[in-house]
C-alpha cells in the first residue's frame, strides 16, 4: 500500500525539478527556467516497502505554449549505489527525514514495477486508494517474464530509453521507453510493441488529457 504522509518537504519536489529539468535534453524551455505546476500522476508500491515510487506529471507554463513533462520519481532513505547519474537531489521529509530523490528511470525498483505490469496504480494523494484511470494494454504475445533493468539509460529529445532483459542475458531483450513530453493519444503501435502504459493528466485550462506514459518494445534480432 502506498502510504501518503501529509507533511512538509524542504526543498519541495517542484523546487528540485525546476533546478533539474533544464539539464535534460528533452526539456524545451528557455534560459529563464521552468515555472512548474503539478498536473497529475500516480504512485506504485514497492513490494519490499522501502522505496517510495511516484510517477509525476508537471506542466511548464513559462513562455509560449505550455509543455507537459513526465517525471517518474523514487524516494529512498539512503543513496542508491550506481545511480549517481539519476540523482535529482535530497530533501528533508517532515516524517521520514532525509530522502534521496532519483529520476526513476535509473532505479531498478521503479523500472521493474513498470515492467511487471501487475502492480495496481495508487492514487497520487490518498493512501490505499487504487487509481482506475491508469491502464496497461498488452499485445497478444504479452510482456516477457523475468525482465530486469535498468541497463543502459539513453536520453532523447522526447523520451528516455531503458534497456531491459532477463538477468544473465548477454544482449538486452527489450527497450522500455518513458515518454517525457506528454501528448494525448494511444500511439505507438506495431508488431514489436509488447505493452503500453496509459494515464491521464490535467491541461492548464482544466481539460482532461490522456496518453501513453511508457511502452515496451522488442529489439530487432
C-alpha atoms as a PDB file:
ATOM      1  CA  UNK A   1       0.000   0.000   0.000  1.00  0.00           C
ATOM      2  CA  UNK A   2       1.303   3.469  -0.913  1.00  0.00           C
ATOM      3  CA  UNK A   3       1.171   5.440   2.354  1.00  0.00           C
ATOM      4  CA  UNK A   4       0.865   9.192   1.877  1.00  0.00           C
ATOM      5  CA  UNK A   5       2.341  11.411   4.597  1.00  0.00           C
ATOM      6  CA  UNK A   6       0.699  14.836   4.586  1.00  0.00           C
ATOM      7  CA  UNK A   7       3.730  16.762   5.757  1.00  0.00           C
ATOM      8  CA  UNK A   8       6.460  19.099   4.541  1.00  0.00           C
ATOM      9  CA  UNK A   9       9.435  18.553   2.241  1.00  0.00           C
ATOM     10  CA  UNK A  10      12.284  21.042   2.099  1.00  0.00           C
ATOM     11  CA  UNK A  11      13.107  21.734  -0.633  1.00  0.00           C
ATOM     12  CA  UNK A  12       9.826  20.736  -2.256  1.00  0.00           C
ATOM     13  CA  UNK A  13       9.560  18.440  -5.241  1.00  0.00           C
ATOM     14  CA  UNK A  14       8.706  21.208  -7.690  1.00  0.00           C
ATOM     15  CA  UNK A  15      11.685  23.237  -6.469  1.00  0.00           C
ATOM     16  CA  UNK A  16      14.020  20.320  -7.099  1.00  0.00           C
ATOM     17  CA  UNK A  17      12.529  19.654 -10.519  1.00  0.00           C
ATOM     18  CA  UNK A  18      12.785  23.317 -11.531  1.00  0.00           C
ATOM     19  CA  UNK A  19      16.551  23.112 -10.993  1.00  0.00           C
ATOM     20  CA  UNK A  20      16.931  19.674 -12.619  1.00  0.00           C
ATOM     21  CA  UNK A  21      14.707  19.865 -15.712  1.00  0.00           C
ATOM     22  CA  UNK A  22      16.820  22.378 -17.685  1.00  0.00           C
ATOM     23  CA  UNK A  23      19.693  19.861 -17.669  1.00  0.00           C
ATOM     24  CA  UNK A  24      17.599  17.303 -19.591  1.00  0.00           C
ATOM     25  CA  UNK A  25      17.806  17.043 -23.405  1.00  0.00           C
ATOM     26  CA  UNK A  26      14.019  16.709 -23.598  1.00  0.00           C
ATOM     27  CA  UNK A  27      13.411  19.992 -21.769  1.00  0.00           C
ATOM     28  CA  UNK A  28      12.175  22.579 -24.253  1.00  0.00           C
ATOM     29  CA  UNK A  29      12.065  25.717 -22.126  1.00  0.00           C
ATOM     30  CA  UNK A  30      14.174  28.830 -22.333  1.00  0.00           C
ATOM     31  CA  UNK A  31      17.034  30.169 -20.243  1.00  0.00           C
ATOM     32  CA  UNK A  32      14.740  31.593 -17.570  1.00  0.00           C
ATOM     33  CA  UNK A  33      13.997  28.163 -16.134  1.00  0.00           C
ATOM     34  CA  UNK A  34      10.624  26.426 -15.842  1.00  0.00           C
ATOM     35  CA  UNK A  35       7.546  27.592 -13.995  1.00  0.00           C
ATOM     36  CA  UNK A  36       6.065  24.289 -12.901  1.00  0.00           C
ATOM     37  CA  UNK A  37       2.618  23.202 -11.804  1.00  0.00           C
ATOM     38  CA  UNK A  38       1.623  19.706 -10.788  1.00  0.00           C
ATOM     39  CA  UNK A  39      -0.657  18.230 -13.459  1.00  0.00           C
ATOM     40  CA  UNK A  40      -1.247  14.622 -12.393  1.00  0.00           C
ATOM     41  CA  UNK A  41       0.354  11.266 -11.811  1.00  0.00           C
ATOM     42  CA  UNK A  42       0.025   8.185  -9.626  1.00  0.00           C
ATOM     43  CA  UNK A  43       2.007   6.008  -7.243  1.00  0.00           C
ATOM     44  CA  UNK A  44       3.233   2.416  -7.315  1.00  0.00           C
ATOM     45  CA  UNK A  45       4.012   0.088  -4.430  1.00  0.00           C
ATOM     46  CA  UNK A  46       7.472  -1.264  -3.701  1.00  0.00           C
ATOM     47  CA  UNK A  47       6.973  -4.937  -2.698  1.00  0.00           C
ATOM     48  CA  UNK A  48       9.658  -4.512  -0.026  1.00  0.00           C
ATOM     49  CA  UNK A  49       8.089  -1.344   1.358  1.00  0.00           C
ATOM     50  CA  UNK A  50      11.399   0.546   1.294  1.00  0.00           C
ATOM     51  CA  UNK A  51      11.201   2.814  -1.752  1.00  0.00           C
ATOM     52  CA  UNK A  52       8.585   5.448  -2.468  1.00  0.00           C
ATOM     53  CA  UNK A  53       7.519   5.450  -6.127  1.00  0.00           C
ATOM     54  CA  UNK A  54       5.695   8.368  -7.717  1.00  0.00           C
ATOM     55  CA  UNK A  55       5.011   8.884 -11.412  1.00  0.00           C
ATOM     56  CA  UNK A  56       4.604  12.668 -11.556  1.00  0.00           C
ATOM     57  CA  UNK A  57       3.283  14.909 -14.333  1.00  0.00           C
ATOM     58  CA  UNK A  58       4.250  18.576 -14.328  1.00  0.00           C
ATOM     59  CA  UNK A  59       3.434  21.387 -16.756  1.00  0.00           C
ATOM     60  CA  UNK A  60       5.807  24.229 -17.538  1.00  0.00           C
ATOM     61  CA  UNK A  61       3.745  27.363 -18.120  1.00  0.00           C
ATOM     62  CA  UNK A  62       6.614  29.795 -18.690  1.00  0.00           C
ATOM     63  CA  UNK A  63       6.990  31.238 -22.165  1.00  0.00           C
ATOM     64  CA  UNK A  64       4.788  30.263 -25.112  1.00  0.00           C
ATOM     65  CA  UNK A  65       2.604  27.167 -25.241  1.00  0.00           C
ATOM     66  CA  UNK A  66       2.605  25.087 -22.022  1.00  0.00           C
ATOM     67  CA  UNK A  67       4.614  21.852 -22.156  1.00  0.00           C
ATOM     68  CA  UNK A  68       3.762  18.826 -20.022  1.00  0.00           C
ATOM     69  CA  UNK A  69       6.536  16.531 -18.782  1.00  0.00           C
ATOM     70  CA  UNK A  70       6.549  13.077 -17.213  1.00  0.00           C
ATOM     71  CA  UNK A  71       8.970  12.575 -14.327  1.00  0.00           C
ATOM     72  CA  UNK A  72       8.928   9.184 -12.551  1.00  0.00           C
ATOM     73  CA  UNK A  73      10.494   9.599  -9.115  1.00  0.00           C
ATOM     74  CA  UNK A  74      11.781   7.322  -6.394  1.00  0.00           C
ATOM     75  CA  UNK A  75      12.321   8.319  -2.780  1.00  0.00           C
ATOM     76  CA  UNK A  76      14.970   6.481  -0.762  1.00  0.00           C
ATOM     77  CA  UNK A  77      16.295   6.670   2.772  1.00  0.00           C
ATOM     78  CA  UNK A  78      19.905   6.264   1.607  1.00  0.00           C
ATOM     79  CA  UNK A  79      21.861   6.806  -1.624  1.00  0.00           C
ATOM     80  CA  UNK A  80      21.362   4.203  -4.380  1.00  0.00           C
ATOM     81  CA  UNK A  81      24.748   2.826  -5.351  1.00  0.00           C
ATOM     82  CA  UNK A  82      25.484   3.124  -9.052  1.00  0.00           C
ATOM     83  CA  UNK A  83      22.635   5.553  -9.730  1.00  0.00           C
ATOM     84  CA  UNK A  84      24.530   8.809  -9.240  1.00  0.00           C
ATOM     85  CA  UNK A  85      23.555   9.968 -12.742  1.00  0.00           C
ATOM     86  CA  UNK A  86      19.901   9.732 -11.773  1.00  0.00           C
ATOM     87  CA  UNK A  87      20.039  11.724  -8.525  1.00  0.00           C
ATOM     88  CA  UNK A  88      17.762  14.761  -8.681  1.00  0.00           C
ATOM     89  CA  UNK A  89      18.546  15.947  -5.156  1.00  0.00           C
ATOM     90  CA  UNK A  90      17.872  15.435  -1.461  1.00  0.00           C
ATOM     91  CA  UNK A  91      15.044  16.776   0.651  1.00  0.00           C
ATOM     92  CA  UNK A  92      14.136  16.804   4.334  1.00  0.00           C
ATOM     93  CA  UNK A  93      10.823  14.993   4.836  1.00  0.00           C
ATOM     94  CA  UNK A  94       8.798  16.018   7.886  1.00  0.00           C
ATOM     95  CA  UNK A  95       8.157  12.399   8.921  1.00  0.00           C
ATOM     96  CA  UNK A  96      10.808  10.240   7.255  1.00  0.00           C
ATOM     97  CA  UNK A  97      13.820  12.547   7.471  1.00  0.00           C
ATOM     98  CA  UNK A  98      16.312  12.961   4.648  1.00  0.00           C
ATOM     99  CA  UNK A  99      15.226  11.435   1.347  1.00  0.00           C
ATOM    100  CA  UNK A 100      17.346  10.878  -1.738  1.00  0.00           C
ATOM    101  CA  UNK A 101      15.179  11.587  -4.781  1.00  0.00           C
ATOM    102  CA  UNK A 102      16.006   9.877  -8.085  1.00  0.00           C
ATOM    103  CA  UNK A 103      14.866  10.007 -11.659  1.00  0.00           C
ATOM    104  CA  UNK A 104      13.130   6.628 -11.604  1.00  0.00           C
ATOM    105  CA  UNK A 105      14.485   5.502 -14.966  1.00  0.00           C
ATOM    106  CA  UNK A 106      17.773   4.894 -13.111  1.00  0.00           C
ATOM    107  CA  UNK A 107      16.160   2.977 -10.236  1.00  0.00           C
ATOM    108  CA  UNK A 108      15.624  -0.802 -10.591  1.00  0.00           C
ATOM    109  CA  UNK A 109      12.649  -0.790  -8.225  1.00  0.00           C
ATOM    110  CA  UNK A 110      10.631   1.605 -10.381  1.00  0.00           C
ATOM    111  CA  UNK A 111      11.733   0.063 -13.692  1.00  0.00           C
ATOM    112  CA  UNK A 112      10.841  -3.451 -12.584  1.00  0.00           C
ATOM    113  CA  UNK A 113       7.458  -2.326 -11.216  1.00  0.00           C
ATOM    114  CA  UNK A 114       6.655  -0.810 -14.605  1.00  0.00           C
ATOM    115  CA  UNK A 115       7.799  -3.973 -16.368  1.00  0.00           C
ATOM    116  CA  UNK A 116       5.823  -6.266 -14.098  1.00  0.00           C
ATOM    117  CA  UNK A 117       2.572  -4.597 -15.077  1.00  0.00           C
ATOM    118  CA  UNK A 118       0.896  -6.287 -12.135  1.00  0.00           C
ATOM    119  CA  UNK A 119       1.122  -3.536  -9.533  1.00  0.00           C
ATOM    120  CA  UNK A 120      -2.152  -1.684  -9.166  1.00  0.00           C
ATOM    121  CA  UNK A 121      -1.582   2.027  -9.617  1.00  0.00           C
ATOM    122  CA  UNK A 122      -2.409   4.027  -6.495  1.00  0.00           C
ATOM    123  CA  UNK A 123      -3.887   7.490  -6.158  1.00  0.00           C
ATOM    124  CA  UNK A 124      -1.217  10.171  -6.013  1.00  0.00           C
ATOM    125  CA  UNK A 125      -2.601  11.898  -2.920  1.00  0.00           C
ATOM    126  CA  UNK A 126      -4.591   9.302  -0.937  1.00  0.00           C
ATOM    127  CA  UNK A 127      -3.349   6.221   0.929  1.00  0.00           C
ATOM    128  CA  UNK A 128      -4.691   2.796  -0.044  1.00  0.00           C
ATOM    129  CA  UNK A 129      -6.777   4.147  -2.929  1.00  0.00           C
ATOM    130  CA  UNK A 130      -6.328   2.486  -6.350  1.00  0.00           C
ATOM    131  CA  UNK A 131      -6.326   4.736  -9.399  1.00  0.00           C
ATOM    132  CA  UNK A 132      -8.558   3.025 -12.004  1.00  0.00           C
ATOM    133  CA  UNK A 133      -7.700   5.571 -14.717  1.00  0.00           C
ATOM    134  CA  UNK A 134      -4.201   4.096 -15.177  1.00  0.00           C
ATOM    135  CA  UNK A 135      -4.341   1.418 -17.870  1.00  0.00           C
ATOM    136  CA  UNK A 136      -1.910  -1.249 -19.043  1.00  0.00           C
ATOM    137  CA  UNK A 137      -2.514  -2.578 -22.569  1.00  0.00           C
ATOM    138  CA  UNK A 138      -0.536  -5.623 -23.676  1.00  0.00           C
ATOM    139  CA  UNK A 139      -0.151  -7.192 -27.097  1.00  0.00           C
ATOM    140  CA  UNK A 140      -1.287 -10.750 -27.774  1.00  0.00           C
ATOM    141  CA  UNK A 141       2.213 -12.069 -27.066  1.00  0.00           C
ATOM    142  CA  UNK A 142       2.234 -10.340 -23.676  1.00  0.00           C
ATOM    143  CA  UNK A 143       5.164  -8.922 -21.731  1.00  0.00           C
ATOM    144  CA  UNK A 144       8.060 -11.403 -21.331  1.00  0.00           C
ATOM    145  CA  UNK A 145       8.518 -12.720 -17.805  1.00  0.00           C
ATOM    146  CA  UNK A 146      11.635 -12.093 -15.770  1.00  0.00           C
ATOM    147  CA  UNK A 147      12.703  -8.773 -17.264  1.00  0.00           C
ATOM    148  CA  UNK A 148      15.100  -6.727 -15.158  1.00  0.00           C
ATOM    149  CA  UNK A 149      16.586  -3.272 -15.519  1.00  0.00           C
ATOM    150  CA  UNK A 150      17.699  -0.639 -15.900  1.00  0.00           C
ATOM    151  CA  UNK A 151      20.516  -1.442 -18.278  1.00  0.00           C
ATOM    152  CA  UNK A 152      21.681   1.429 -20.443  1.00  0.00           C
ATOM    153  CA  UNK A 153      19.696   4.659 -19.951  1.00  0.00           C
ATOM    154  CA  UNK A 154      19.626   6.931 -23.008  1.00  0.00           C
ATOM    155  CA  UNK A 155      18.000  10.362 -23.226  1.00  0.00           C
ATOM    156  CA  UNK A 156      16.479  11.698 -26.448  1.00  0.00           C
ATOM    157  CA  UNK A 157      14.623  14.902 -27.316  1.00  0.00           C
ATOM    158  CA  UNK A 158      11.289  13.282 -26.442  1.00  0.00           C
ATOM    159  CA  UNK A 159      11.881  10.282 -24.191  1.00  0.00           C
ATOM    160  CA  UNK A 160      14.173   8.166 -22.058  1.00  0.00           C
ATOM    161  CA  UNK A 161      15.063   4.693 -23.366  1.00  0.00           C
ATOM    162  CA  UNK A 162      15.975   1.983 -20.851  1.00  0.00           C
ATOM    163  CA  UNK A 163      17.335  -1.374 -21.989  1.00  0.00           C
ATOM    164  CA  UNK A 164      15.904  -4.368 -20.122  1.00  0.00           C
ATOM    165  CA  UNK A 165      16.214  -8.116 -20.291  1.00  0.00           C
ATOM    166  CA  UNK A 166      16.379 -11.351 -18.299  1.00  0.00           C
ATOM    167  CA  UNK A 167      19.216 -11.481 -15.778  1.00  0.00           C
ATOM    168  CA  UNK A 168      22.358 -13.011 -17.253  1.00  0.00           C
ATOM    169  CA  UNK A 169      21.394 -12.441 -20.892  1.00  0.00           C
ATOM    170  CA  UNK A 170      24.314 -11.082 -22.896  1.00  0.00           C
ATOM    171  CA  UNK A 171      22.170  -8.879 -25.127  1.00  0.00           C
ATOM    172  CA  UNK A 172      19.215  -6.787 -23.876  1.00  0.00           C
ATOM    173  CA  UNK A 173      15.865  -8.177 -24.955  1.00  0.00           C
ATOM    174  CA  UNK A 174      13.687  -5.060 -24.991  1.00  0.00           C
ATOM    175  CA  UNK A 175      13.615  -1.304 -24.586  1.00  0.00           C
ATOM    176  CA  UNK A 176      11.344   0.479 -22.135  1.00  0.00           C
ATOM    177  CA  UNK A 177      10.526   3.937 -23.480  1.00  0.00           C
ATOM    178  CA  UNK A 178       9.422   6.516 -20.912  1.00  0.00           C
ATOM    179  CA  UNK A 179       7.675   9.361 -22.739  1.00  0.00           C
ATOM    180  CA  UNK A 180       8.958  12.621 -21.276  1.00  0.00           C
ATOM    181  CA  UNK A 181       6.994  15.135 -23.340  1.00  0.00           C
ATOM    182  CA  UNK A 182       3.367  14.066 -22.962  1.00  0.00           C
ATOM    183  CA  UNK A 183       0.810  14.349 -25.731  1.00  0.00           C
ATOM    184  CA  UNK A 184      -2.739  12.968 -25.939  1.00  0.00           C
ATOM    185  CA  UNK A 185      -3.202   9.743 -27.900  1.00  0.00           C
ATOM    186  CA  UNK A 186      -2.771   5.963 -27.783  1.00  0.00           C
ATOM    187  CA  UNK A 187       0.218   5.510 -30.144  1.00  0.00           C
ATOM    188  CA  UNK A 188       2.658   3.829 -30.549  1.00  0.00           C
ATOM    189  CA  UNK A 189       1.641   0.524 -32.081  1.00  0.00           C
ATOM    190  CA  UNK A 190       3.369  -2.132 -34.144  1.00  0.00           C
ATOM    191  CA  UNK A 191       4.495  -5.733 -34.087  1.00  0.00           C
ATOM    192  CA  UNK A 192       7.445  -5.014 -31.782  1.00  0.00           C
ATOM    193  CA  UNK A 193       5.379  -3.265 -29.082  1.00  0.00           C
ATOM    194  CA  UNK A 194       4.634  -5.615 -26.183  1.00  0.00           C
ATOM    195  CA  UNK A 195       2.767  -3.245 -23.894  1.00  0.00           C
ATOM    196  CA  UNK A 196       1.747   0.338 -23.216  1.00  0.00           C
ATOM    197  CA  UNK A 197       1.004   2.239 -20.018  1.00  0.00           C
ATOM    198  CA  UNK A 198      -1.625   4.965 -20.433  1.00  0.00           C
ATOM    199  CA  UNK A 199      -2.829   7.502 -17.899  1.00  0.00           C
ATOM    200  CA  UNK A 200      -4.308  10.984 -17.635  1.00  0.00           C
ATOM    201  CA  UNK A 201      -3.352  14.481 -16.590  1.00  0.00           C
ATOM    202  CA  UNK A 202      -4.891  17.961 -16.443  1.00  0.00           C
ATOM    203  CA  UNK A 203      -4.188  20.645 -19.039  1.00  0.00           C
ATOM    204  CA  UNK A 204      -3.638  24.218 -17.765  1.00  0.00           C
ATOM    205  CA  UNK A 205      -7.255  25.066 -18.657  1.00  0.00           C
ATOM    206  CA  UNK A 206      -8.516  22.128 -16.573  1.00  0.00           C
ATOM    207  CA  UNK A 207      -9.337  19.850 -19.515  1.00  0.00           C
ATOM    208  CA  UNK A 208      -8.518  16.187 -19.015  1.00  0.00           C
ATOM    209  CA  UNK A 209      -5.887  14.664 -21.290  1.00  0.00           C
ATOM    210  CA  UNK A 210      -4.988  11.001 -21.748  1.00  0.00           C
ATOM    211  CA  UNK A 211      -1.978   9.456 -23.414  1.00  0.00           C
ATOM    212  CA  UNK A 212       0.929   6.996 -23.393  1.00  0.00           C
ATOM    213  CA  UNK A 213       3.313   7.310 -20.443  1.00  0.00           C
ATOM    214  CA  UNK A 214       5.567   4.376 -21.345  1.00  0.00           C
ATOM    215  CA  UNK A 215       5.804   1.464 -23.744  1.00  0.00           C
ATOM    216  CA  UNK A 216       7.859  -1.697 -24.063  1.00  0.00           C
ATOM    217  CA  UNK A 217       9.124  -2.978 -27.413  1.00  0.00           C
ATOM    218  CA  UNK A 218      11.380  -5.799 -28.563  1.00  0.00           C
ATOM    219  CA  UNK A 219      14.740  -5.176 -30.161  1.00  0.00           C
ATOM    220  CA  UNK A 220      15.150  -6.429 -33.704  1.00  0.00           C
ATOM    221  CA  UNK A 221      17.038  -9.703 -33.853  1.00  0.00           C
END
